[in-house]
C-alpha atoms as a PDB file:
ATOM      1  CA  VAL A   1     -36.483  13.897 -34.909  1.00  0.00           C
ATOM      2  CA  LYS A   2     -33.372  15.119 -33.107  1.00  0.00           C
ATOM      3  CA  GLU A   3     -30.157  15.177 -35.121  1.00  0.00           C
ATOM      4  CA  ALA A   4     -27.340  12.981 -33.860  1.00  0.00           C
ATOM      5  CA  VAL A   5     -24.525  14.744 -32.052  1.00  0.00           C
ATOM      6  CA  PRO A   6     -21.403  14.893 -34.252  1.00  0.00           C
ATOM      7  CA  LEU A   7     -18.811  12.324 -33.205  1.00  0.00           C
ATOM      8  CA  LYS A   8     -16.131  15.027 -32.883  1.00  0.00           C
ATOM      9  CA  LYS A   9     -18.188  16.829 -30.252  1.00  0.00           C
ATOM     10  CA  VAL A  10     -18.722  13.627 -28.324  1.00  0.00           C
ATOM     11  CA  ILE A  11     -14.935  13.023 -28.362  1.00  0.00           C
ATOM     12  CA  ASP A  12     -14.251  16.533 -27.094  1.00  0.00           C
ATOM     13  CA  ALA A  13     -16.833  16.168 -24.327  1.00  0.00           C
ATOM     14  CA  CYS A  14     -15.337  12.860 -23.192  1.00  0.00           C
ATOM     15  CA  GLY A  15     -11.892  14.459 -23.176  1.00  0.00           C
ATOM     16  CA  GLN A  16     -13.106  17.236 -20.893  1.00  0.00           C
ATOM     17  CA  CYS A  17     -14.416  14.637 -18.430  1.00  0.00           C
ATOM     18  CA  PHE A  18     -10.929  13.229 -18.013  1.00  0.00           C
ATOM     19  CA  VAL A  19      -9.507  16.703 -17.479  1.00  0.00           C
ATOM     20  CA  LEU A  20     -11.935  17.280 -14.524  1.00  0.00           C
ATOM     21  CA  LYS A  21     -10.124  14.891 -12.250  1.00  0.00           C
ATOM     22  CA  ALA A  22     -11.746  16.306  -9.104  1.00  0.00           C
ATOM     23  CA  ILE A  23     -15.120  15.172 -10.397  1.00  0.00           C
ATOM     24  CA  PHE A  24     -14.301  12.134 -12.509  1.00  0.00           C
ATOM     25  CA  LYS A  25     -12.190  10.274 -10.018  1.00  0.00           C
ATOM     26  CA  PRO A  26     -10.945   6.680 -10.553  1.00  0.00           C
ATOM     27  CA  ASP A  27     -13.920   5.190  -8.758  1.00  0.00           C
ATOM     28  CA  VAL A  28     -16.273   7.118 -11.009  1.00  0.00           C
ATOM     29  CA  LEU A  29     -14.364   6.006 -14.114  1.00  0.00           C
ATOM     30  CA  ALA A  30     -14.642   2.393 -12.943  1.00  0.00           C
ATOM     31  CA  VAL A  31     -18.423   2.726 -12.755  1.00  0.00           C
ATOM     32  CA  VAL A  32     -18.463   4.312 -16.216  1.00  0.00           C
ATOM     33  CA  LEU A  33     -16.551   1.363 -17.674  1.00  0.00           C
ATOM     34  CA  ASN A  34     -19.038  -1.048 -16.094  1.00  0.00           C
ATOM     35  CA  GLN A  35     -21.971   0.832 -17.550  1.00  0.00           C
ATOM     36  CA  LEU A  36     -20.438   1.079 -21.032  1.00  0.00           C
ATOM     37  CA  MET A  37     -19.814  -2.677 -21.115  1.00  0.00           C
ATOM     38  CA  GLU A  38     -23.487  -3.319 -20.366  1.00  0.00           C
ATOM     39  CA  LEU A  39     -24.697  -1.407 -23.418  1.00  0.00           C
ATOM     40  CA  THR A  40     -25.860  -3.168 -26.561  1.00  0.00           C
ATOM     41  CA  PRO A  41     -24.385  -2.549 -29.038  1.00  0.00           C
ATOM     42  CA  LEU A  42     -21.132  -1.497 -27.485  1.00  0.00           C
ATOM     43  CA  PRO A  43     -20.431   2.230 -27.891  1.00  0.00           C
ATOM     44  CA  THR A  44     -18.280   3.402 -30.781  1.00  0.00           C
ATOM     45  CA  LEU A  45     -15.948   5.285 -28.430  1.00  0.00           C
ATOM     46  CA  LEU A  46     -15.623   2.473 -25.902  1.00  0.00           C
ATOM     47  CA  MET A  47     -11.986   1.676 -26.587  1.00  0.00           C
ATOM     48  CA  ARG A  48     -10.991   5.341 -26.718  1.00  0.00           C
ATOM     49  CA  THR A  49     -12.482   5.660 -23.249  1.00  0.00           C
ATOM     50  CA  VAL A  50     -10.752   2.523 -22.005  1.00  0.00           C
ATOM     51  CA  ILE A  51      -7.371   3.677 -23.283  1.00  0.00           C
ATOM     52  CA  GLN A  52      -7.800   7.137 -21.793  1.00  0.00           C
ATOM     53  CA  THR A  53      -8.660   5.495 -18.483  1.00  0.00           C
ATOM     54  CA  VAL A  54      -5.271   3.724 -18.460  1.00  0.00           C
ATOM     55  CA  GLY A  55      -3.513   7.070 -18.952  1.00  0.00           C
ATOM     56  CA  PHE A  56      -5.496   9.151 -16.478  1.00  0.00           C
ATOM     57  CA  ALA A  57      -6.061   6.499 -13.782  1.00  0.00           C
ATOM     58  CA  PRO A  58      -3.225   3.947 -13.888  1.00  0.00           C
ATOM     59  CA  ARG A  59      -4.460   2.222 -10.751  1.00  0.00           C
ATOM     60  CA  LEU A  60      -7.518   1.122 -12.733  1.00  0.00           C
ATOM     61  CA  LYS A  61      -5.366  -1.017 -15.017  1.00  0.00           C
ATOM     62  CA  PRO A  62      -6.575  -4.269 -13.434  1.00  0.00           C
ATOM     63  CA  ARG A  63     -10.135  -3.137 -14.152  1.00  0.00           C
ATOM     64  CA  VAL A  64      -9.113  -2.382 -17.734  1.00  0.00           C
ATOM     65  CA  ILE A  65      -7.663  -5.882 -18.070  1.00  0.00           C
ATOM     66  CA  GLU A  66     -10.992  -7.318 -16.918  1.00  0.00           C
ATOM     67  CA  THR A  67     -12.706  -5.177 -19.541  1.00  0.00           C
ATOM     68  CA  LEU A  68     -10.423  -6.596 -22.243  1.00  0.00           C
ATOM     69  CA  ALA A  69     -11.156 -10.158 -21.091  1.00  0.00           C
ATOM     70  CA  THR A  70     -14.904  -9.425 -21.258  1.00  0.00           C
ATOM     71  CA  LEU A  71     -14.476  -8.044 -24.765  1.00  0.00           C
ATOM     72  CA  VAL A  72     -12.884 -11.316 -25.814  1.00  0.00           C
ATOM     73  CA  ARG A  73     -15.977 -13.124 -24.610  1.00  0.00           C
ATOM     74  CA  LYS A  74     -18.048 -10.679 -26.574  1.00  0.00           C
ATOM     75  CA  GLN A  75     -15.997 -11.522 -29.702  1.00  0.00           C
ATOM     76  CA  VAL A  76     -14.599  -8.020 -30.121  1.00  0.00           C
ATOM     77  CA  TRP A  77     -12.727  -9.039 -33.289  1.00  0.00           C
ATOM     78  CA  LYS A  78     -16.036  -8.967 -35.160  1.00  0.00           C
ATOM     79  CA  ASN A  79     -16.223  -5.183 -34.739  1.00  0.00           C
ATOM     80  CA  PRO A  80     -13.366  -3.617 -36.766  1.00  0.00           C
ATOM     81  CA  ARG A  81     -13.462  -0.257 -35.013  1.00  0.00           C
ATOM     82  CA  LEU A  82     -13.447  -1.722 -31.498  1.00  0.00           C
ATOM     83  CA  TRP A  83     -10.915  -4.378 -32.523  1.00  0.00           C
ATOM     84  CA  GLU A  84      -8.343  -1.728 -33.526  1.00  0.00           C
ATOM     85  CA  GLY A  85      -8.679  -0.079 -30.120  1.00  0.00           C
ATOM     86  CA  PHE A  86      -8.590  -3.444 -28.360  1.00  0.00           C
ATOM     87  CA  VAL A  87      -5.259  -4.319 -29.986  1.00  0.00           C
ATOM     88  CA  LYS A  88      -3.776  -0.932 -29.140  1.00  0.00           C
ATOM     89  CA  CYS A  89      -4.916  -1.285 -25.547  1.00  0.00           C
ATOM     90  CA  THR A  90      -3.318  -4.720 -25.175  1.00  0.00           C
ATOM     91  CA  LYS A  91      -0.057  -3.138 -26.314  1.00  0.00           C
ATOM     92  CA  ILE A  92      -0.046  -0.296 -23.794  1.00  0.00           C
ATOM     93  CA  THR A  93      -1.133  -2.603 -20.931  1.00  0.00           C
ATOM     94  CA  ALA A  94       1.425  -5.332 -21.687  1.00  0.00           C
ATOM     95  CA  PRO A  95       2.585  -7.561 -20.027  1.00  0.00           C
ATOM     96  CA  ASP A  96      -0.629  -7.548 -17.936  1.00  0.00           C
ATOM     97  CA  SER A  97      -2.631  -8.115 -21.122  1.00  0.00           C
ATOM     98  CA  TYR A  98      -0.772 -11.343 -22.102  1.00  0.00           C
ATOM     99  CA  PRO A  99      -3.325 -13.696 -20.513  1.00  0.00           C
ATOM    100  CA  VAL A 100      -6.063 -11.882 -22.425  1.00  0.00           C
ATOM    101  CA  LEU A 101      -4.230 -12.268 -25.732  1.00  0.00           C
ATOM    102  CA  LEU A 102      -3.883 -15.990 -25.103  1.00  0.00           C
ATOM    103  CA  GLN A 103      -7.673 -16.242 -24.898  1.00  0.00           C
ATOM    104  CA  LEU A 104      -8.102 -15.051 -28.482  1.00  0.00           C
ATOM    105  CA  PRO A 105      -8.953 -17.447 -31.313  1.00  0.00           C
ATOM    106  CA  VAL A 106      -5.872 -18.323 -33.357  1.00  0.00           C
ATOM    107  CA  SER A 107      -6.897 -16.228 -36.374  1.00  0.00           C
ATOM    108  CA  SER A 108      -7.548 -13.183 -34.183  1.00  0.00           C
ATOM    109  CA  LEU A 109      -4.273 -13.645 -32.288  1.00  0.00           C
ATOM    110  CA  GLU A 110      -2.398 -13.789 -35.599  1.00  0.00           C
ATOM    111  CA  ASP A 111      -4.097 -10.577 -36.701  1.00  0.00           C
ATOM    112  CA  ALA A 112      -3.252  -8.877 -33.422  1.00  0.00           C
ATOM    113  CA  LEU A 113       0.387  -9.941 -33.697  1.00  0.00           C
ATOM    114  CA  SER A 114       0.523  -8.637 -37.227  1.00  0.00           C
ATOM    115  CA  LYS A 115      -0.581  -5.232 -35.951  1.00  0.00           C
ATOM    116  CA  ILE A 116       1.816  -5.214 -32.977  1.00  0.00           C
ATOM    117  CA  PRO A 117       4.697  -7.532 -34.049  1.00  0.00           C
ATOM    118  CA  THR A 118       6.964  -6.306 -31.235  1.00  0.00           C
ATOM    119  CA  ILE A 119       4.779  -8.057 -28.687  1.00  0.00           C
ATOM    120  CA  LYS A 120       5.182 -11.569 -30.156  1.00  0.00           C
ATOM    121  CA  ALA A 121       8.572 -12.363 -28.608  1.00  0.00           C
ATOM    122  CA  PRO A 122       7.780 -11.283 -25.037  1.00  0.00           C
ATOM    123  CA  LEU A 123       4.360 -12.959 -25.288  1.00  0.00           C
ATOM    124  CA  ALA A 124       6.085 -16.182 -26.345  1.00  0.00           C
ATOM    125  CA  ARG A 125       8.493 -15.925 -23.379  1.00  0.00           C
ATOM    126  CA  TYR A 126       5.563 -15.425 -21.017  1.00  0.00           C
ATOM    127  CA  THR A 127       3.681 -18.403 -22.514  1.00  0.00           C
ATOM    128  CA  SER A 128       6.772 -20.647 -22.316  1.00  0.00           C
ATOM    129  CA  GLN A 129       6.442 -20.686 -18.534  1.00  0.00           C
ATOM    130  CA  PRO A 130       5.373 -24.257 -17.577  1.00  0.00           C
ATOM    131  CA  GLN A 131       2.311 -23.208 -15.639  1.00  0.00           C
ATOM    132  CA  VAL A 132       1.099 -21.041 -18.549  1.00  0.00           C
ATOM    133  CA  LYS A 133       2.080 -23.366 -21.374  1.00  0.00           C
ATOM    134  CA  ALA A 134       0.212 -26.247 -19.720  1.00  0.00           C
ATOM    135  CA  THR A 135      -3.109 -24.388 -20.013  1.00  0.00           C
ATOM    136  CA  THR A 136      -2.582 -22.787 -23.432  1.00  0.00           C
ATOM    137  CA  ALA A 137      -4.206 -24.211 -26.570  1.00  0.00           C
ATOM    138  CA  ARG A 138      -1.776 -26.077 -28.794  1.00  0.00           C
ATOM    139  CA  ALA A 139      -2.794 -24.016 -31.855  1.00  0.00           C
ATOM    140  CA  THR A 140      -1.778 -20.878 -29.932  1.00  0.00           C
ATOM    141  CA  LEU A 141       1.573 -22.412 -29.039  1.00  0.00           C
ATOM    142  CA  VAL A 142       2.116 -23.088 -32.740  1.00  0.00           C
ATOM    143  CA  VAL A 143       1.386 -19.442 -33.584  1.00  0.00           C
ATOM    144  CA  LEU A 144       3.928 -18.329 -30.986  1.00  0.00           C
ATOM    145  CA  GLY A 145       6.547 -20.775 -32.303  1.00  0.00           C
ATOM    146  CA  LEU A 146       6.681 -22.776 -29.093  1.00  0.00           C
ATOM    147  CA  VAL A 147       5.750 -26.039 -30.812  1.00  0.00           C
ATOM    148  CA  SER A 148       5.779 -27.088 -34.449  1.00  0.00           C
ATOM    149  CA  ASP A 149       2.764 -28.188 -36.477  1.00  0.00           C
ATOM    150  CA  ASP A 150       3.911 -31.811 -36.543  1.00  0.00           C
ATOM    151  CA  THR A 151       5.038 -32.001 -32.902  1.00  0.00           C
ATOM    152  CA  PRO A 152       2.651 -34.054 -30.740  1.00  0.00           C
ATOM    153  CA  THR A 153       1.493 -32.350 -27.590  1.00  0.00           C
ATOM    154  CA  SER A 154       3.612 -33.508 -24.639  1.00  0.00           C
ATOM    155  CA  ILE A 155       2.378 -33.834 -21.095  1.00  0.00           C
ATOM    156  CA  ASN A 156       3.677 -30.982 -19.044  1.00  0.00           C
ATOM    157  CA  ALA A 157       5.834 -32.190 -16.166  1.00  0.00           C
ATOM    158  CA  THR A 158       4.089 -29.956 -13.667  1.00  0.00           C
ATOM    159  CA  ALA A 159       0.654 -31.242 -14.594  1.00  0.00           C
ATOM    160  CA  ALA A 160       1.894 -34.796 -14.643  1.00  0.00           C
ATOM    161  CA  ASN A 161       3.154 -34.616 -11.079  1.00  0.00           C
ATOM    162  CA  VAL A 162      -0.223 -33.779  -9.643  1.00  0.00           C
ATOM    163  CA  GLU A 163      -3.524 -35.560 -10.068  1.00  0.00           C
ATOM    164  CA  ASP A 164      -6.729 -34.303  -8.486  1.00  0.00           C
ATOM    165  CA  GLY A 165      -4.631 -32.211  -6.094  1.00  0.00           C
ATOM    166  CA  VAL A 166      -2.745 -35.204  -4.636  1.00  0.00           C
ATOM    167  CA  PRO A 167       1.089 -35.004  -4.747  1.00  0.00           C
ATOM    168  CA  MET A 168       2.771 -37.799  -6.648  1.00  0.00           C
ATOM    169  CA  ASP A 169       4.551 -39.087  -3.580  1.00  0.00           C
ATOM    170  CA  GLU A 170       1.169 -39.642  -1.908  1.00  0.00           C
ATOM    171  CA  GLN A 171      -0.221 -41.562  -4.848  1.00  0.00           C
ATOM    172  CA  LYS A 172       0.175 -45.281  -5.443  1.00  0.00           C
ATOM    173  CA  GLU A 173       3.881 -46.029  -5.687  1.00  0.00           C
ATOM    174  CA  ASN A 174       3.722 -48.691  -8.326  1.00  0.00           C
ATOM    175  CA  LEU A 175       2.278 -46.910 -11.371  1.00  0.00           C
ATOM    176  CA  ASP A 176       3.580 -49.397 -13.878  1.00  0.00           C
ATOM    177  CA  ASP A 177       0.693 -51.763 -13.221  1.00  0.00           C
ATOM    178  CA  ALA A 178      -1.941 -49.013 -13.290  1.00  0.00           C
ATOM    179  CA  GLU A 179      -4.248 -48.811 -16.284  1.00  0.00           C
ATOM    180  CA  PRO A 180      -4.094 -45.592 -18.290  1.00  0.00           C
ATOM    181  CA  CYS A 181      -6.887 -43.134 -17.486  1.00  0.00           C
ATOM    182  CA  SER A 182      -8.706 -42.019 -20.590  1.00  0.00           C
ATOM    183  CA  ASN A 183     -10.354 -39.066 -18.863  1.00  0.00           C
ATOM    184  CA  SER A 184      -7.640 -37.814 -16.578  1.00  0.00           C
ATOM    185  CA  LYS A 185      -8.117 -34.313 -15.310  1.00  0.00           C
ATOM    186  CA  SER A 186      -5.588 -31.725 -16.314  1.00  0.00           C
ATOM    187  CA  LEU A 187      -4.170 -29.332 -13.812  1.00  0.00           C
ATOM    188  CA  LYS A 188      -5.874 -25.980 -13.980  1.00  0.00           C
ATOM    189  CA  VAL A 189      -3.509 -23.116 -13.505  1.00  0.00           C
ATOM    190  CA  GLU A 190      -4.697 -19.595 -13.002  1.00  0.00           C
ATOM    191  CA  LYS A 191      -3.075 -17.223 -15.437  1.00  0.00           C
ATOM    192  CA  GLY A 192      -1.970 -14.485 -13.079  1.00  0.00           C
ATOM    193  CA  ILE A 193      -1.404 -10.952 -14.180  1.00  0.00           C
ATOM    194  CA  LEU A 194       2.207  -9.907 -14.333  1.00  0.00           C
ATOM    195  CA  PRO A 195       3.100  -6.754 -12.402  1.00  0.00           C
ATOM    196  CA  SER A 196       4.350  -3.973 -14.615  1.00  0.00           C
ATOM    197  CA  GLN A 197       4.741  -0.294 -15.024  1.00  0.00           C
ATOM    198  CA  VAL A 198       3.124   0.991 -18.173  1.00  0.00           C
ATOM    199  CA  GLU A 199       4.893   3.751 -20.016  1.00  0.00           C
ATOM    200  CA  THR A 200       2.586   5.719 -22.213  1.00  0.00           C
ATOM    201  CA  ASN A 201       2.727   8.844 -24.310  1.00  0.00           C
ATOM    202  CA  GLU A 202       0.165  10.980 -26.054  1.00  0.00           C
ATOM    203  CA  ASP A 203       0.422   8.978 -29.274  1.00  0.00           C
ATOM    204  CA  ASP A 204      -0.765   5.870 -27.418  1.00  0.00           C
ATOM    205  CA  PHE A 205      -4.071   7.531 -26.669  1.00  0.00           C
ATOM    206  CA  GLU A 206      -4.907   8.569 -30.200  1.00  0.00           C
ATOM    207  CA  ILE A 207      -7.245   6.344 -32.193  1.00  0.00           C
ATOM    208  CA  GLU A 208      -8.183   7.416 -35.652  1.00  0.00           C
ATOM    209  CA  LEU A 209     -11.899   7.354 -36.088  1.00  0.00           C
END
């Protein structure tokens, strides 16, 4: 039986790959990320690799954001080691990572905010935008301080002005006589990624293992 390669040697080997930029170009790194995400279980050094990718290939940040969103679907918070790296990565990719953070369960979002408290205020400002707030879970809005526990959810004005894609002025003028719709469709708003320039330093790429 072959002995497992020490984790420190694996870390050093991965680091050398990023140094060889002529070989490990951004398109190669993108393929690597795809392959790592297909493994079961997810590799121990996954988040270290993702964070290093942000530093060495900034133009792959959109791909990194997609990776973070996939990790949410894979319930990354259940893996303590990967969760720590996930939270750090959302910090260094902010504000692009805000839509991803809003996808987290309330308990996980609270844990993330406790680890990176400086991100709560800007995340709340981002979420307060009408088109974002309208599609964000009420429990998440409570965590961000945008609504109180005893405040009933109000209908967002933007969503209320459009029904099934038909502008209000094209709908029936006399709405007073209309019966309330119990299964009205809510307006779906795509949470776009905010453009940003990420400032990183060497400390941002260190994860204690």
